[in-house]
Amino acid sequence: MKIKSYYSRTVEDAIASARAELGPDAMLVNSRKAPIQARHLGEYEVVFASLAPEEESNESDTALPAGPSAFAPPPSNDRLSNEVADLKKELEGMRRVLTRTAYAPQQWAGGSQDSAEAFAVLTAADVSPELAREIVQAACSRLAPQRGPLLRSAPRSDAAALQHALSEELSNRFTVEPQLGRNPSSARLVALVGPPGSGKTTTLVKLAVNYGLAARRPILLLSMDTYRVAAADQLRSYAAILGVGFQVLETVAALAQTIEENRGKELIFIDTPGLSFGEIDDAAPLAHFLSTREDIDTHLVLPASMKPGDLTRVGRLFECMRPNRLLFTKLDETASYGPILELAARTRKPLSFFAAGQRIPEDLEAASAPRLLELVLEGGGRVRAA
């Protein structure tokens, strides 16, 4: 799949340039006023997608502006975004080190040096001090039968043994279920809910490609996002590119009827509007529908880069929809993964998938206990996708 932006003084000129280069089958994904930093390329930006294989070229994916006047394109936005992301991760790594060396010891009284270090690692990953203390103490208790009741007062515990006990204790705090649908023997109904900007639509397309098209399963994409103007256009464009069915539905009654009419599909994905704190009441009919349908597998989609306190509040906000699993996106935009563990531990909801980037379908991986432990205990290094 090739996705490319075109700039011009008018939307029509940009579309003409896209059709000329990508062909008549190219699909319009989005059109908007050009960002300020790219305004010199043209007043408007249109984004097109094509399934044609990308030709080997050294040119940027950002097209030159259509029309008589053309300017050299600025440095690649992707490269700039990657540099900013790397800088954020370096700063986050520095924060983790400062937290471990300066603040954590003040909050951890007594115990061995290794247990203090374990506490520091967890709090540096943004695990709350209360939960971090509980986990470390439980890990030390696991070792107590082997080393006696005075383990915590020992001058130096076995670091490897404590690390193993810590991993076991962490693993007992959450579960993973990287699957779609609640009843594999019938049509699998999957709904994605979450706040605005969490990446629901992009993640839905990744799931559809990886677990639908790749397995040659008949799929259907449904959109309930009628809150924003042209909100469903992006998903409609993806559906056309993928060659799968797509419908926009305005009411839960229409959604229920469409589901019944398409029971022959193996996978039905339901995209929902991004809801903020002030909009959740407006979605009461949808919330009631999802919370009462035992056949719908609802995944709460949350950005890993969200502040821990906001993550907790959003999790509580969407409890009205009774989500079955937690799906985290934007793992590439943070280096602190403790809040993922904490929310999974507090809600006892299994983790389903992790997404780290915009590439479709590559930037998606099934959640696993070893992966989350790696993220929390080691900062994840450079976040990868499976």
Foldseek 3Di string as FASTA:
>chain_A
DAKAKEAAQDPVQRVVVCCVPQNPLKFWQDKDQDPPVFCVQHRIMTMIDDPDDDDDDPDARYDWYGDDDTDDGDPHPVVVVVVVLVVQAVVLVVQLVCQLPPPQVVLDDFFEPLLSNQLSLQVSLVADSVVSVVLSVQLQVVCCVVPHPCRRNDHHDDNVSSVVSSLVSLLVLFAADQDFWDDQVWATAEEEAEAPPLCQLLQVQLCCVPVPVVVVFAEAEEEQPPPDVCPCSNVVRSCSNVVHHYDYDPAVVVVVVVCVVVRVGNYYYYYYHHDDPVCLVVCLRVLVSQQPDPGYAYEYRGEQPDDLVVVVVRVVSSVSNVHQEYEYEQLSNHLRRSSVSVVRSVVVHHHHKYAHDNDHNFRIAGDDSVQSCCSSNVSCPRPGGD
